[in-house]
């Protein structure tokens, strides 16, 4: 009898691994409404404005630090409040000025969360769709909706109608009706543990979602249809870096393996995580620095206070900075500490 070639056994052993790996796919992003002014070089027609006195500031509808203007001594007027998504203007209204725009999925995926309670969140009625392009899950969020037209766990194609634009949620009225859109990474699958209490929105609470610059991503993907999100983030520069004790693989790198930089196969005492100003993780690098708690190893030099540029997660100025209480809480997203079983205290009789 002719025995199989040894390579056949190797191929059989590798088959499950091969099937489990998903090749990176093109984003194939599409705008969520008929408003295409972002591609026409007319941002003032794309972003919903915010009232500033008697003026209408469309710039406040963009992604980034675009709100709460303050006057600083060294840098003049700067915006200090971060806006995690895009506020997209309606292009259709009825005679009563209610928006009529259909909302569509920006890419194929699965509906993982629906909130139909208009008062249940600052987002009002909103939904979340999970996307997988082959390098970890990403989540698109559609907020301030008037109506939701999909069901939980439903699979949708890019461009599929999912909702109708509205003005539900905090601080929104009919005049400023818009779609708030985000594309996010997930901080942790143990959000309730991090929070220390159950939350009705589970892991899809806005505090657990790290919004990317989706406007720039739309424009970059239009220029390069083969673009991936890891490649898109390669051009981002870190604002700060934090070393944490190494205690096994981090949950975030299990979910997004492309964050791993350097040789993770060798032992080290710590991990150094790089973040953008808004808190997007860019890399996780093994480090031989000895730390027992999160330690700030680098910060970008600024002329004004770091609180203004980091959503209050750092304090200090120039080259000097430290993590605030909220900064330490944020870093806890990326450690394994808060997910450990908590030891119950014994009573005296025990």
C-alpha atoms as a PDB file:
ATOM      1  CA  UNK A   1       0.000   0.000   0.000  1.00  0.00           C
ATOM      2  CA  UNK A   2       1.305   3.478  -0.918  1.00  0.00           C
ATOM      3  CA  UNK A   3       1.583   5.737   2.106  1.00  0.00           C
ATOM      4  CA  UNK A   4       0.514   9.390   1.864  1.00  0.00           C
ATOM      5  CA  UNK A   5       3.289  11.900   1.432  1.00  0.00           C
ATOM      6  CA  UNK A   6       4.331  13.473   4.790  1.00  0.00           C
ATOM      7  CA  UNK A   7       3.298  16.865   3.457  1.00  0.00           C
ATOM      8  CA  UNK A   8      -0.275  15.615   3.292  1.00  0.00           C
ATOM      9  CA  UNK A   9      -0.324  15.206   7.072  1.00  0.00           C
ATOM     10  CA  UNK A  10       1.068  18.712   7.545  1.00  0.00           C
ATOM     11  CA  UNK A  11      -1.577  20.158   5.247  1.00  0.00           C
ATOM     12  CA  UNK A  12      -4.310  18.310   7.144  1.00  0.00           C
ATOM     13  CA  UNK A  13      -3.019  19.687  10.459  1.00  0.00           C
ATOM     14  CA  UNK A  14      -2.827  23.218   9.065  1.00  0.00           C
ATOM     15  CA  UNK A  15      -6.266  23.116   7.411  1.00  0.00           C
ATOM     16  CA  UNK A  16      -8.268  24.290  10.456  1.00  0.00           C
ATOM     17  CA  UNK A  17      -5.847  27.193  10.956  1.00  0.00           C
ATOM     18  CA  UNK A  18      -6.062  28.092   7.286  1.00  0.00           C
ATOM     19  CA  UNK A  19      -9.839  28.088   7.404  1.00  0.00           C
ATOM     20  CA  UNK A  20      -9.864  30.258  10.523  1.00  0.00           C
ATOM     21  CA  UNK A  21      -7.713  32.967   8.968  1.00  0.00           C
ATOM     22  CA  UNK A  22      -9.597  35.533   6.955  1.00  0.00           C
ATOM     23  CA  UNK A  23      -7.737  37.452   4.307  1.00  0.00           C
ATOM     24  CA  UNK A  24      -7.972  41.222   4.575  1.00  0.00           C
ATOM     25  CA  UNK A  25     -10.767  42.558   2.403  1.00  0.00           C
ATOM     26  CA  UNK A  26     -11.239  46.023   0.869  1.00  0.00           C
ATOM     27  CA  UNK A  27     -13.315  48.374   3.012  1.00  0.00           C
ATOM     28  CA  UNK A  28     -15.867  49.139   0.267  1.00  0.00           C
ATOM     29  CA  UNK A  29     -17.189  52.060   2.296  1.00  0.00           C
ATOM     30  CA  UNK A  30     -20.239  53.998   1.166  1.00  0.00           C
ATOM     31  CA  UNK A  31     -21.653  57.194   2.604  1.00  0.00           C
ATOM     32  CA  UNK A  32     -24.659  56.612   4.891  1.00  0.00           C
ATOM     33  CA  UNK A  33     -26.943  59.231   3.272  1.00  0.00           C
ATOM     34  CA  UNK A  34     -27.402  61.012  -0.035  1.00  0.00           C
ATOM     35  CA  UNK A  35     -25.272  63.873   1.259  1.00  0.00           C
ATOM     36  CA  UNK A  36     -22.025  63.624  -0.739  1.00  0.00           C
ATOM     37  CA  UNK A  37     -20.721  67.155  -0.178  1.00  0.00           C
ATOM     38  CA  UNK A  38     -17.650  65.784   1.639  1.00  0.00           C
ATOM     39  CA  UNK A  39     -16.480  64.393  -1.705  1.00  0.00           C
ATOM     40  CA  UNK A  40     -17.314  67.638  -3.513  1.00  0.00           C
ATOM     41  CA  UNK A  41     -15.071  69.825  -1.379  1.00  0.00           C
ATOM     42  CA  UNK A  42     -18.034  71.486   0.347  1.00  0.00           C
ATOM     43  CA  UNK A  43     -17.710  70.578   4.029  1.00  0.00           C
ATOM     44  CA  UNK A  44     -20.067  73.391   5.056  1.00  0.00           C
ATOM     45  CA  UNK A  45     -22.841  71.522   3.192  1.00  0.00           C
ATOM     46  CA  UNK A  46     -21.926  68.173   4.734  1.00  0.00           C
ATOM     47  CA  UNK A  47     -21.549  68.849   8.457  1.00  0.00           C
ATOM     48  CA  UNK A  48     -24.395  69.931  10.702  1.00  0.00           C
ATOM     49  CA  UNK A  49     -23.563  73.201  12.460  1.00  0.00           C
ATOM     50  CA  UNK A  50     -23.541  74.069  16.136  1.00  0.00           C
ATOM     51  CA  UNK A  51     -24.777  77.491  17.260  1.00  0.00           C
ATOM     52  CA  UNK A  52     -22.048  79.762  18.628  1.00  0.00           C
ATOM     53  CA  UNK A  53     -23.833  82.912  19.654  1.00  0.00           C
ATOM     54  CA  UNK A  54     -25.521  84.169  16.499  1.00  0.00           C
ATOM     55  CA  UNK A  55     -23.271  82.198  14.170  1.00  0.00           C
ATOM     56  CA  UNK A  56     -23.487  78.658  12.836  1.00  0.00           C
ATOM     57  CA  UNK A  57     -20.214  76.742  13.150  1.00  0.00           C
ATOM     58  CA  UNK A  58     -20.219  73.774  10.746  1.00  0.00           C
ATOM     59  CA  UNK A  59     -16.683  72.913  11.870  1.00  0.00           C
ATOM     60  CA  UNK A  60     -18.158  71.634  15.149  1.00  0.00           C
ATOM     61  CA  UNK A  61     -19.803  68.791  13.227  1.00  0.00           C
ATOM     62  CA  UNK A  62     -16.449  67.320  12.260  1.00  0.00           C
ATOM     63  CA  UNK A  63     -14.473  64.562  13.966  1.00  0.00           C
ATOM     64  CA  UNK A  64     -11.876  65.641  16.504  1.00  0.00           C
ATOM     65  CA  UNK A  65     -11.299  68.471  18.982  1.00  0.00           C
ATOM     66  CA  UNK A  66     -13.793  70.884  17.451  1.00  0.00           C
ATOM     67  CA  UNK A  67     -15.957  72.160  20.334  1.00  0.00           C
ATOM     68  CA  UNK A  68     -15.753  74.256  23.534  1.00  0.00           C
ATOM     69  CA  UNK A  69     -13.481  77.047  22.354  1.00  0.00           C
ATOM     70  CA  UNK A  70     -11.203  78.596  24.983  1.00  0.00           C
ATOM     71  CA  UNK A  71      -8.614  81.341  24.793  1.00  0.00           C
ATOM     72  CA  UNK A  72      -5.137  80.294  25.886  1.00  0.00           C
ATOM     73  CA  UNK A  73      -2.220  82.566  26.698  1.00  0.00           C
ATOM     74  CA  UNK A  74       0.279  80.853  24.393  1.00  0.00           C
ATOM     75  CA  UNK A  75      -1.781  79.358  21.573  1.00  0.00           C
ATOM     76  CA  UNK A  76      -4.728  81.668  21.196  1.00  0.00           C
ATOM     77  CA  UNK A  77      -8.180  80.139  20.751  1.00  0.00           C
ATOM     78  CA  UNK A  78      -8.278  76.338  20.753  1.00  0.00           C
ATOM     79  CA  UNK A  79     -11.094  73.765  20.843  1.00  0.00           C
ATOM     80  CA  UNK A  80     -10.923  71.407  23.814  1.00  0.00           C
ATOM     81  CA  UNK A  81     -13.993  69.176  23.540  1.00  0.00           C
ATOM     82  CA  UNK A  82     -13.649  66.031  21.458  1.00  0.00           C
ATOM     83  CA  UNK A  83     -16.355  64.974  18.977  1.00  0.00           C
ATOM     84  CA  UNK A  84     -16.056  61.263  18.233  1.00  0.00           C
ATOM     85  CA  UNK A  85     -17.970  61.110  14.963  1.00  0.00           C
ATOM     86  CA  UNK A  86     -19.483  63.062  12.101  1.00  0.00           C
ATOM     87  CA  UNK A  87     -22.720  65.046  12.225  1.00  0.00           C
ATOM     88  CA  UNK A  88     -24.153  64.776   8.708  1.00  0.00           C
ATOM     89  CA  UNK A  89     -26.750  67.279   7.487  1.00  0.00           C
ATOM     90  CA  UNK A  90     -30.038  66.140   5.953  1.00  0.00           C
ATOM     91  CA  UNK A  91     -30.605  66.828   2.269  1.00  0.00           C
ATOM     92  CA  UNK A  92     -34.368  66.250   2.360  1.00  0.00           C
ATOM     93  CA  UNK A  93     -37.023  67.729   4.668  1.00  0.00           C
ATOM     94  CA  UNK A  94     -40.808  67.771   4.638  1.00  0.00           C
ATOM     95  CA  UNK A  95     -42.969  70.909   4.900  1.00  0.00           C
ATOM     96  CA  UNK A  96     -42.609  70.801   8.697  1.00  0.00           C
ATOM     97  CA  UNK A  97     -38.806  70.624   8.369  1.00  0.00           C
ATOM     98  CA  UNK A  98     -38.602  67.032   9.589  1.00  0.00           C
ATOM     99  CA  UNK A  99     -35.650  65.221   7.962  1.00  0.00           C
ATOM    100  CA  UNK A 100     -36.558  62.575   5.396  1.00  0.00           C
ATOM    101  CA  UNK A 101     -33.093  61.125   4.704  1.00  0.00           C
ATOM    102  CA  UNK A 102     -32.737  57.376   4.527  1.00  0.00           C
ATOM    103  CA  UNK A 103     -29.808  56.008   6.550  1.00  0.00           C
ATOM    104  CA  UNK A 104     -27.782  53.189   5.005  1.00  0.00           C
ATOM    105  CA  UNK A 105     -25.036  50.865   6.300  1.00  0.00           C
ATOM    106  CA  UNK A 106     -21.573  52.150   5.396  1.00  0.00           C
ATOM    107  CA  UNK A 107     -20.371  48.568   4.780  1.00  0.00           C
ATOM    108  CA  UNK A 108     -21.574  44.984   5.039  1.00  0.00           C
ATOM    109  CA  UNK A 109     -21.913  43.582   8.530  1.00  0.00           C
ATOM    110  CA  UNK A 110     -24.228  42.385  11.283  1.00  0.00           C
ATOM    111  CA  UNK A 111     -26.472  44.436  13.570  1.00  0.00           C
ATOM    112  CA  UNK A 112     -25.209  43.842  17.113  1.00  0.00           C
ATOM    113  CA  UNK A 113     -27.064  46.484  19.124  1.00  0.00           C
ATOM    114  CA  UNK A 114     -30.289  48.479  18.866  1.00  0.00           C
ATOM    115  CA  UNK A 115     -31.582  51.143  21.246  1.00  0.00           C
ATOM    116  CA  UNK A 116     -35.150  52.103  20.370  1.00  0.00           C
ATOM    117  CA  UNK A 117     -35.640  54.264  23.468  1.00  0.00           C
ATOM    118  CA  UNK A 118     -35.290  57.898  22.404  1.00  0.00           C
ATOM    119  CA  UNK A 119     -34.473  58.919  25.974  1.00  0.00           C
ATOM    120  CA  UNK A 120     -32.315  55.937  26.861  1.00  0.00           C
ATOM    121  CA  UNK A 121     -29.046  57.507  25.758  1.00  0.00           C
ATOM    122  CA  UNK A 122     -27.395  60.777  24.706  1.00  0.00           C
ATOM    123  CA  UNK A 123     -27.392  59.135  21.262  1.00  0.00           C
ATOM    124  CA  UNK A 124     -31.188  58.861  21.327  1.00  0.00           C
ATOM    125  CA  UNK A 125     -32.347  56.005  19.120  1.00  0.00           C
ATOM    126  CA  UNK A 126     -29.225  54.370  17.749  1.00  0.00           C
ATOM    127  CA  UNK A 127     -27.855  51.136  16.374  1.00  0.00           C
ATOM    128  CA  UNK A 128     -24.460  49.475  15.988  1.00  0.00           C
ATOM    129  CA  UNK A 129     -23.240  47.256  13.142  1.00  0.00           C
ATOM    130  CA  UNK A 130     -20.220  44.962  13.438  1.00  0.00           C
ATOM    131  CA  UNK A 131     -17.851  44.764  10.454  1.00  0.00           C
ATOM    132  CA  UNK A 132     -14.986  42.343   9.885  1.00  0.00           C
ATOM    133  CA  UNK A 133     -12.498  43.090   7.126  1.00  0.00           C
ATOM    134  CA  UNK A 134     -10.067  40.385   8.258  1.00  0.00           C
ATOM    135  CA  UNK A 135      -8.080  42.168  10.986  1.00  0.00           C
ATOM    136  CA  UNK A 136     -10.435  42.429  13.922  1.00  0.00           C
ATOM    137  CA  UNK A 137     -13.954  43.751  14.509  1.00  0.00           C
ATOM    138  CA  UNK A 138     -14.955  47.368  13.877  1.00  0.00           C
ATOM    139  CA  UNK A 139     -18.280  48.930  14.737  1.00  0.00           C
ATOM    140  CA  UNK A 140     -20.268  51.594  12.933  1.00  0.00           C
ATOM    141  CA  UNK A 141     -22.710  53.561  15.081  1.00  0.00           C
ATOM    142  CA  UNK A 142     -25.716  55.536  13.752  1.00  0.00           C
ATOM    143  CA  UNK A 143     -27.346  57.922  16.223  1.00  0.00           C
ATOM    144  CA  UNK A 144     -30.224  60.426  16.702  1.00  0.00           C
ATOM    145  CA  UNK A 145     -32.493  58.270  14.541  1.00  0.00           C
ATOM    146  CA  UNK A 146     -36.223  58.773  14.064  1.00  0.00           C
ATOM    147  CA  UNK A 147     -36.829  55.154  13.177  1.00  0.00           C
ATOM    148  CA  UNK A 148     -34.851  51.905  13.030  1.00  0.00           C
ATOM    149  CA  UNK A 149     -35.675  49.514  10.190  1.00  0.00           C
ATOM    150  CA  UNK A 150     -33.468  46.489  10.987  1.00  0.00           C
ATOM    151  CA  UNK A 151     -33.515  43.786  13.627  1.00  0.00           C
ATOM    152  CA  UNK A 152     -30.880  42.603  16.070  1.00  0.00           C
ATOM    153  CA  UNK A 153     -28.429  40.069  14.548  1.00  0.00           C
ATOM    154  CA  UNK A 154     -29.659  40.871  11.037  1.00  0.00           C
ATOM    155  CA  UNK A 155     -26.935  40.802   8.380  1.00  0.00           C
ATOM    156  CA  UNK A 156     -26.893  43.815   6.092  1.00  0.00           C
ATOM    157  CA  UNK A 157     -25.012  44.722   2.946  1.00  0.00           C
ATOM    158  CA  UNK A 158     -23.184  47.983   2.450  1.00  0.00           C
ATOM    159  CA  UNK A 159     -25.720  50.545   1.233  1.00  0.00           C
ATOM    160  CA  UNK A 160     -28.632  48.626   2.810  1.00  0.00           C
ATOM    161  CA  UNK A 161     -31.336  50.905   4.283  1.00  0.00           C
ATOM    162  CA  UNK A 162     -31.271  50.580   8.069  1.00  0.00           C
ATOM    163  CA  UNK A 163     -33.018  53.654   9.518  1.00  0.00           C
ATOM    164  CA  UNK A 164     -34.444  57.127   9.042  1.00  0.00           C
ATOM    165  CA  UNK A 165     -32.711  60.323  10.167  1.00  0.00           C
ATOM    166  CA  UNK A 166     -34.158  62.130  13.155  1.00  0.00           C
ATOM    167  CA  UNK A 167     -33.320  64.312  16.135  1.00  0.00           C
ATOM    168  CA  UNK A 168     -33.658  62.031  19.166  1.00  0.00           C
ATOM    169  CA  UNK A 169     -31.172  62.333  22.010  1.00  0.00           C
ATOM    170  CA  UNK A 170     -29.725  65.055  24.197  1.00  0.00           C
ATOM    171  CA  UNK A 171     -29.247  68.572  22.837  1.00  0.00           C
ATOM    172  CA  UNK A 172     -30.744  67.929  19.387  1.00  0.00           C
ATOM    173  CA  UNK A 173     -33.743  69.735  17.918  1.00  0.00           C
ATOM    174  CA  UNK A 174     -35.524  69.699  14.573  1.00  0.00           C
ATOM    175  CA  UNK A 175     -33.398  72.526  13.185  1.00  0.00           C
ATOM    176  CA  UNK A 176     -30.209  70.587  13.922  1.00  0.00           C
ATOM    177  CA  UNK A 177     -31.533  67.170  12.912  1.00  0.00           C
ATOM    178  CA  UNK A 178     -28.641  65.059  11.652  1.00  0.00           C
ATOM    179  CA  UNK A 179     -27.018  61.644  11.579  1.00  0.00           C
ATOM    180  CA  UNK A 180     -24.214  61.181  14.059  1.00  0.00           C
ATOM    181  CA  UNK A 181     -21.915  58.531  12.560  1.00  0.00           C
ATOM    182  CA  UNK A 182     -18.954  56.763  14.167  1.00  0.00           C
ATOM    183  CA  UNK A 183     -16.612  53.943  13.167  1.00  0.00           C
ATOM    184  CA  UNK A 184     -15.001  52.441  16.224  1.00  0.00           C
ATOM    185  CA  UNK A 185     -12.679  49.904  17.768  1.00  0.00           C
ATOM    186  CA  UNK A 186     -13.912  48.027  20.847  1.00  0.00           C
ATOM    187  CA  UNK A 187     -11.968  48.706  24.061  1.00  0.00           C
ATOM    188  CA  UNK A 188     -13.013  45.593  25.958  1.00  0.00           C
ATOM    189  CA  UNK A 189     -15.547  42.781  25.959  1.00  0.00           C
ATOM    190  CA  UNK A 190     -15.777  43.169  29.752  1.00  0.00           C
ATOM    191  CA  UNK A 191     -17.148  46.691  29.885  1.00  0.00           C
ATOM    192  CA  UNK A 192     -19.407  46.050  32.892  1.00  0.00           C
ATOM    193  CA  UNK A 193     -16.387  44.825  34.880  1.00  0.00           C
ATOM    194  CA  UNK A 194     -14.442  47.942  33.903  1.00  0.00           C
ATOM    195  CA  UNK A 195     -17.398  50.141  34.841  1.00  0.00           C
ATOM    196  CA  UNK A 196     -17.964  48.256  38.069  1.00  0.00           C
ATOM    197  CA  UNK A 197     -21.697  47.937  37.419  1.00  0.00           C
ATOM    198  CA  UNK A 198     -24.081  46.510  34.803  1.00  0.00           C
ATOM    199  CA  UNK A 199     -25.000  48.814  31.934  1.00  0.00           C
ATOM    200  CA  UNK A 200     -28.125  48.506  29.769  1.00  0.00           C
ATOM    201  CA  UNK A 201     -26.060  49.081  26.635  1.00  0.00           C
ATOM    202  CA  UNK A 202     -23.520  46.376  27.447  1.00  0.00           C
ATOM    203  CA  UNK A 203     -20.303  46.535  25.453  1.00  0.00           C
ATOM    204  CA  UNK A 204     -21.888  48.955  22.978  1.00  0.00           C
ATOM    205  CA  UNK A 205     -21.937  51.832  25.428  1.00  0.00           C
ATOM    206  CA  UNK A 206     -20.299  54.838  23.775  1.00  0.00           C
ATOM    207  CA  UNK A 207     -17.611  54.913  26.480  1.00  0.00           C
ATOM    208  CA  UNK A 208     -16.394  51.500  25.311  1.00  0.00           C
ATOM    209  CA  UNK A 209     -16.113  52.475  21.640  1.00  0.00           C
ATOM    210  CA  UNK A 210     -12.983  54.227  20.339  1.00  0.00           C
ATOM    211  CA  UNK A 211     -13.946  56.382  17.369  1.00  0.00           C
ATOM    212  CA  UNK A 212     -11.661  56.663  14.343  1.00  0.00           C
ATOM    213  CA  UNK A 213     -11.372  59.658  12.030  1.00  0.00           C
ATOM    214  CA  UNK A 214     -13.994  58.316   9.651  1.00  0.00           C
ATOM    215  CA  UNK A 215     -14.100  61.455   7.489  1.00  0.00           C
ATOM    216  CA  UNK A 216     -10.420  61.072   6.622  1.00  0.00           C
ATOM    217  CA  UNK A 217     -10.982  57.341   6.159  1.00  0.00           C
ATOM    218  CA  UNK A 218     -13.798  57.965   3.646  1.00  0.00           C
ATOM    219  CA  UNK A 219     -11.543  60.290   1.645  1.00  0.00           C
ATOM    220  CA  UNK A 220      -8.494  58.004   1.826  1.00  0.00           C
ATOM    221  CA  UNK A 221     -10.494  54.907   0.821  1.00  0.00           C
ATOM    222  CA  UNK A 222     -11.916  56.786  -2.146  1.00  0.00           C
ATOM    223  CA  UNK A 223      -8.359  57.472  -3.329  1.00  0.00           C
ATOM    224  CA  UNK A 224      -7.122  53.952  -2.514  1.00  0.00           C
ATOM    225  CA  UNK A 225      -9.843  51.259  -2.731  1.00  0.00           C
ATOM    226  CA  UNK A 226      -7.398  48.642  -1.300  1.00  0.00           C
ATOM    227  CA  UNK A 227      -6.794  50.615   1.888  1.00  0.00           C
ATOM    228  CA  UNK A 228      -7.036  48.786   5.236  1.00  0.00           C
ATOM    229  CA  UNK A 229      -7.632  50.414   8.606  1.00  0.00           C
ATOM    230  CA  UNK A 230      -4.243  49.282  10.036  1.00  0.00           C
ATOM    231  CA  UNK A 231      -2.547  50.889   7.018  1.00  0.00           C
ATOM    232  CA  UNK A 232      -4.663  54.024   7.480  1.00  0.00           C
ATOM    233  CA  UNK A 233      -3.569  54.325  11.126  1.00  0.00           C
ATOM    234  CA  UNK A 234       0.121  53.924  10.266  1.00  0.00           C
ATOM    235  CA  UNK A 235       0.253  57.608   9.361  1.00  0.00           C
ATOM    236  CA  UNK A 236      -1.027  58.650  12.821  1.00  0.00           C
ATOM    237  CA  UNK A 237       1.557  59.869  15.327  1.00  0.00           C
ATOM    238  CA  UNK A 238       1.345  59.087  19.051  1.00  0.00           C
ATOM    239  CA  UNK A 239       0.522  61.817  21.528  1.00  0.00           C
ATOM    240  CA  UNK A 240       1.454  59.747  24.575  1.00  0.00           C
ATOM    241  CA  UNK A 241       2.814  56.330  25.543  1.00  0.00           C
ATOM    242  CA  UNK A 242       2.138  54.326  28.672  1.00  0.00           C
ATOM    243  CA  UNK A 243       4.037  51.332  30.074  1.00  0.00           C
ATOM    244  CA  UNK A 244       2.009  48.722  31.950  1.00  0.00           C
ATOM    245  CA  UNK A 245       3.114  45.505  33.689  1.00  0.00           C
ATOM    246  CA  UNK A 246       3.121  42.521  31.337  1.00  0.00           C
ATOM    247  CA  UNK A 247       0.777  39.817  32.610  1.00  0.00           C
ATOM    248  CA  UNK A 248      -0.074  37.612  29.653  1.00  0.00           C
ATOM    249  CA  UNK A 249      -1.384  38.782  26.303  1.00  0.00           C
ATOM    250  CA  UNK A 250      -3.610  41.813  26.356  1.00  0.00           C
ATOM    251  CA  UNK A 251      -7.226  41.455  25.334  1.00  0.00           C
ATOM    252  CA  UNK A 252      -6.858  44.334  22.863  1.00  0.00           C
ATOM    253  CA  UNK A 253      -4.061  42.572  20.941  1.00  0.00           C
ATOM    254  CA  UNK A 254      -6.033  39.338  20.852  1.00  0.00           C
ATOM    255  CA  UNK A 255      -8.799  41.276  19.143  1.00  0.00           C
ATOM    256  CA  UNK A 256      -6.512  43.451  16.984  1.00  0.00           C
ATOM    257  CA  UNK A 257      -3.270  41.464  16.418  1.00  0.00           C
ATOM    258  CA  UNK A 258      -1.868  44.149  14.093  1.00  0.00           C
ATOM    259  CA  UNK A 259      -1.298  46.348  17.149  1.00  0.00           C
ATOM    260  CA  UNK A 260       1.607  44.081  18.117  1.00  0.00           C
ATOM    261  CA  UNK A 261       4.962  45.606  17.228  1.00  0.00           C
ATOM    262  CA  UNK A 262       8.329  44.122  18.119  1.00  0.00           C
ATOM    263  CA  UNK A 263       8.977  40.542  19.274  1.00  0.00           C
ATOM    264  CA  UNK A 264       6.136  39.372  21.521  1.00  0.00           C
ATOM    265  CA  UNK A 265       7.469  35.797  21.649  1.00  0.00           C
ATOM    266  CA  UNK A 266      10.245  36.778  24.063  1.00  0.00           C
ATOM    267  CA  UNK A 267       9.577  37.555  27.733  1.00  0.00           C
ATOM    268  CA  UNK A 268       9.549  41.170  28.866  1.00  0.00           C
ATOM    269  CA  UNK A 269       8.601  43.011  32.017  1.00  0.00           C
ATOM    270  CA  UNK A 270       6.121  45.419  30.489  1.00  0.00           C
ATOM    271  CA  UNK A 271       4.175  46.552  27.457  1.00  0.00           C
ATOM    272  CA  UNK A 272       4.398  50.067  26.098  1.00  0.00           C
ATOM    273  CA  UNK A 273       1.162  51.229  24.444  1.00  0.00           C
ATOM    274  CA  UNK A 274       1.109  54.220  22.096  1.00  0.00           C
ATOM    275  CA  UNK A 275      -2.027  56.364  21.820  1.00  0.00           C
ATOM    276  CA  UNK A 276      -3.226  59.251  19.690  1.00  0.00           C
ATOM    277  CA  UNK A 277      -4.486  62.394  21.422  1.00  0.00           C
ATOM    278  CA  UNK A 278      -8.043  61.046  21.277  1.00  0.00           C
ATOM    279  CA  UNK A 279      -7.050  57.647  22.706  1.00  0.00           C
ATOM    280  CA  UNK A 280      -6.787  55.398  19.646  1.00  0.00           C
ATOM    281  CA  UNK A 281      -4.221  52.653  20.381  1.00  0.00           C
ATOM    282  CA  UNK A 282      -1.536  52.571  17.677  1.00  0.00           C
ATOM    283  CA  UNK A 283       0.884  49.915  18.900  1.00  0.00           C
ATOM    284  CA  UNK A 284       1.772  47.565  21.753  1.00  0.00           C
ATOM    285  CA  UNK A 285       5.514  46.991  22.137  1.00  0.00           C
ATOM    286  CA  UNK A 286       7.290  44.700  24.662  1.00  0.00           C
ATOM    287  CA  UNK A 287       9.415  46.733  27.080  1.00  0.00           C
ATOM    288  CA  UNK A 288      12.045  45.875  29.698  1.00  0.00           C
ATOM    289  CA  UNK A 289      11.033  48.836  31.850  1.00  0.00           C
ATOM    290  CA  UNK A 290      10.114  47.774  35.386  1.00  0.00           C
ATOM    291  CA  UNK A 291       6.686  49.138  36.331  1.00  0.00           C
ATOM    292  CA  UNK A 292       4.125  48.074  38.904  1.00  0.00           C
ATOM    293  CA  UNK A 293       1.377  50.372  37.614  1.00  0.00           C
ATOM    294  CA  UNK A 294       0.693  52.405  34.460  1.00  0.00           C
ATOM    295  CA  UNK A 295       3.571  54.812  33.854  1.00  0.00           C
ATOM    296  CA  UNK A 296       3.714  57.609  31.303  1.00  0.00           C
ATOM    297  CA  UNK A 297       6.863  57.157  29.200  1.00  0.00           C
ATOM    298  CA  UNK A 298       6.352  59.792  26.503  1.00  0.00           C
ATOM    299  CA  UNK A 299       4.190  62.823  25.774  1.00  0.00           C
ATOM    300  CA  UNK A 300       4.169  65.219  22.836  1.00  0.00           C
ATOM    301  CA  UNK A 301       5.393  68.669  23.766  1.00  0.00           C
ATOM    302  CA  UNK A 302       2.689  71.337  23.804  1.00  0.00           C
ATOM    303  CA  UNK A 303       2.492  74.966  24.844  1.00  0.00           C
ATOM    304  CA  UNK A 304      -0.894  74.649  26.564  1.00  0.00           C
ATOM    305  CA  UNK A 305      -2.139  72.162  29.120  1.00  0.00           C
ATOM    306  CA  UNK A 306      -2.311  68.521  28.080  1.00  0.00           C
ATOM    307  CA  UNK A 307      -5.868  68.275  29.413  1.00  0.00           C
ATOM    308  CA  UNK A 308      -7.012  70.289  26.401  1.00  0.00           C
ATOM    309  CA  UNK A 309      -5.590  67.794  23.912  1.00  0.00           C
ATOM    310  CA  UNK A 310      -6.253  64.436  25.584  1.00  0.00           C
ATOM    311  CA  UNK A 311      -9.876  64.589  26.701  1.00  0.00           C
ATOM    312  CA  UNK A 312      -8.657  65.272  30.232  1.00  0.00           C
ATOM    313  CA  UNK A 313      -6.643  62.051  30.475  1.00  0.00           C
ATOM    314  CA  UNK A 314      -3.301  63.809  30.998  1.00  0.00           C
ATOM    315  CA  UNK A 315      -2.373  66.842  33.033  1.00  0.00           C
ATOM    316  CA  UNK A 316       0.689  69.063  32.822  1.00  0.00           C
ATOM    317  CA  UNK A 317       2.338  71.181  30.142  1.00  0.00           C
ATOM    318  CA  UNK A 318       5.241  70.946  27.723  1.00  0.00           C
ATOM    319  CA  UNK A 319       7.327  67.819  28.267  1.00  0.00           C
ATOM    320  CA  UNK A 320       5.897  67.239  31.735  1.00  0.00           C
ATOM    321  CA  UNK A 321       2.691  65.243  32.127  1.00  0.00           C
ATOM    322  CA  UNK A 322       1.007  62.610  34.218  1.00  0.00           C
ATOM    323  CA  UNK A 323      -2.126  60.534  34.012  1.00  0.00           C
ATOM    324  CA  UNK A 324      -5.235  61.992  35.619  1.00  0.00           C
ATOM    325  CA  UNK A 325      -7.793  59.885  37.459  1.00  0.00           C
ATOM    326  CA  UNK A 326      -9.813  59.543  34.244  1.00  0.00           C
ATOM    327  CA  UNK A 327      -6.582  58.748  32.373  1.00  0.00           C
ATOM    328  CA  UNK A 328      -5.792  55.887  34.741  1.00  0.00           C
ATOM    329  CA  UNK A 329      -9.350  54.629  34.333  1.00  0.00           C
ATOM    330  CA  UNK A 330      -8.930  54.784  30.560  1.00  0.00           C
ATOM    331  CA  UNK A 331      -5.649  52.831  30.655  1.00  0.00           C
ATOM    332  CA  UNK A 332      -7.433  50.147  32.686  1.00  0.00           C
ATOM    333  CA  UNK A 333      -9.300  49.285  29.472  1.00  0.00           C
ATOM    334  CA  UNK A 334      -6.052  47.849  28.135  1.00  0.00           C
ATOM    335  CA  UNK A 335      -4.732  46.005  31.187  1.00  0.00           C
ATOM    336  CA  UNK A 336      -5.735  42.587  32.447  1.00  0.00           C
ATOM    337  CA  UNK A 337      -6.053  43.817  36.024  1.00  0.00           C
ATOM    338  CA  UNK A 338      -9.742  44.675  36.261  1.00  0.00           C
ATOM    339  CA  UNK A 339     -10.824  41.408  34.612  1.00  0.00           C
ATOM    340  CA  UNK A 340      -9.165  39.252  37.288  1.00  0.00           C
ATOM    341  CA  UNK A 341     -11.484  37.399  39.702  1.00  0.00           C
ATOM    342  CA  UNK A 342     -11.849  39.463  42.844  1.00  0.00           C
ATOM    343  CA  UNK A 343     -11.016  37.743  46.117  1.00  0.00           C
ATOM    344  CA  UNK A 344     -13.885  37.897  48.605  1.00  0.00           C
ATOM    345  CA  UNK A 345     -12.977  38.968  52.129  1.00  0.00           C
ATOM    346  CA  UNK A 346     -13.510  36.279  54.764  1.00  0.00           C
ATOM    347  CA  UNK A 347     -15.609  36.880  57.834  1.00  0.00           C
ATOM    348  CA  UNK A 348     -13.955  36.651  61.303  1.00  0.00           C
ATOM    349  CA  UNK A 349     -15.653  33.286  61.913  1.00  0.00           C
ATOM    350  CA  UNK A 350     -13.826  31.811  58.927  1.00  0.00           C
END
